[in-house]
Amino acid sequence: YRKQVVWADEALKLKLLKKGILTRIDAPS
C-alpha cells in the first residue's frame, strides 16, 4: 500500500513538473 502511495506521489510530481515546464514554455518571460 505504501509503495502505491509513493508511486502516486511520484506520478503527481511528474505531472506537475510537466505542467510547469509547459506553462513556462507557453508564458512569454
Protein backbone atom coordinates (compact mmCIF):
# COMPACT_ATOMS: atom_id res chain seq x y z
CA TYR A 1 0.00 0.00 0.00
CA ARG A 2 2.78 2.39 0.95
CA LYS A 3 4.60 1.67 -2.31
CA GLN A 4 1.42 2.56 -4.21
CA VAL A 5 1.18 5.87 -2.37
CA VAL A 6 4.82 6.66 -3.14
CA TRP A 7 4.27 5.76 -6.80
CA ALA A 8 1.20 8.01 -6.95
CA ASP A 9 3.21 10.83 -5.36
CA GLU A 10 5.96 10.39 -7.95
CA ALA A 11 3.40 10.40 -10.77
CA LEU A 12 1.86 13.58 -9.36
CA LYS A 13 5.28 15.24 -9.16
CA LEU A 14 5.97 14.29 -12.77
CA LYS A 15 2.60 15.66 -13.84
CA LEU A 16 3.20 18.94 -12.01
CA LEU A 17 6.72 19.13 -13.44
CA LYS A 18 5.43 18.64 -16.98
CA LYS A 19 2.69 21.20 -16.39
CA GLY A 20 5.22 23.68 -15.02
CA ILE A 21 7.54 23.18 -17.99
CA LEU A 22 4.67 23.58 -20.46
CA THR A 23 3.48 26.70 -18.65
CA ARG A 24 7.00 28.11 -18.68
CA ILE A 25 7.28 27.49 -22.43
CA ASP A 26 3.85 28.96 -23.20
CA ALA A 27 4.26 32.00 -20.98
CA PRO A 28 6.41 34.73 -22.56
CA SER A 29 9.02 35.69 -19.97
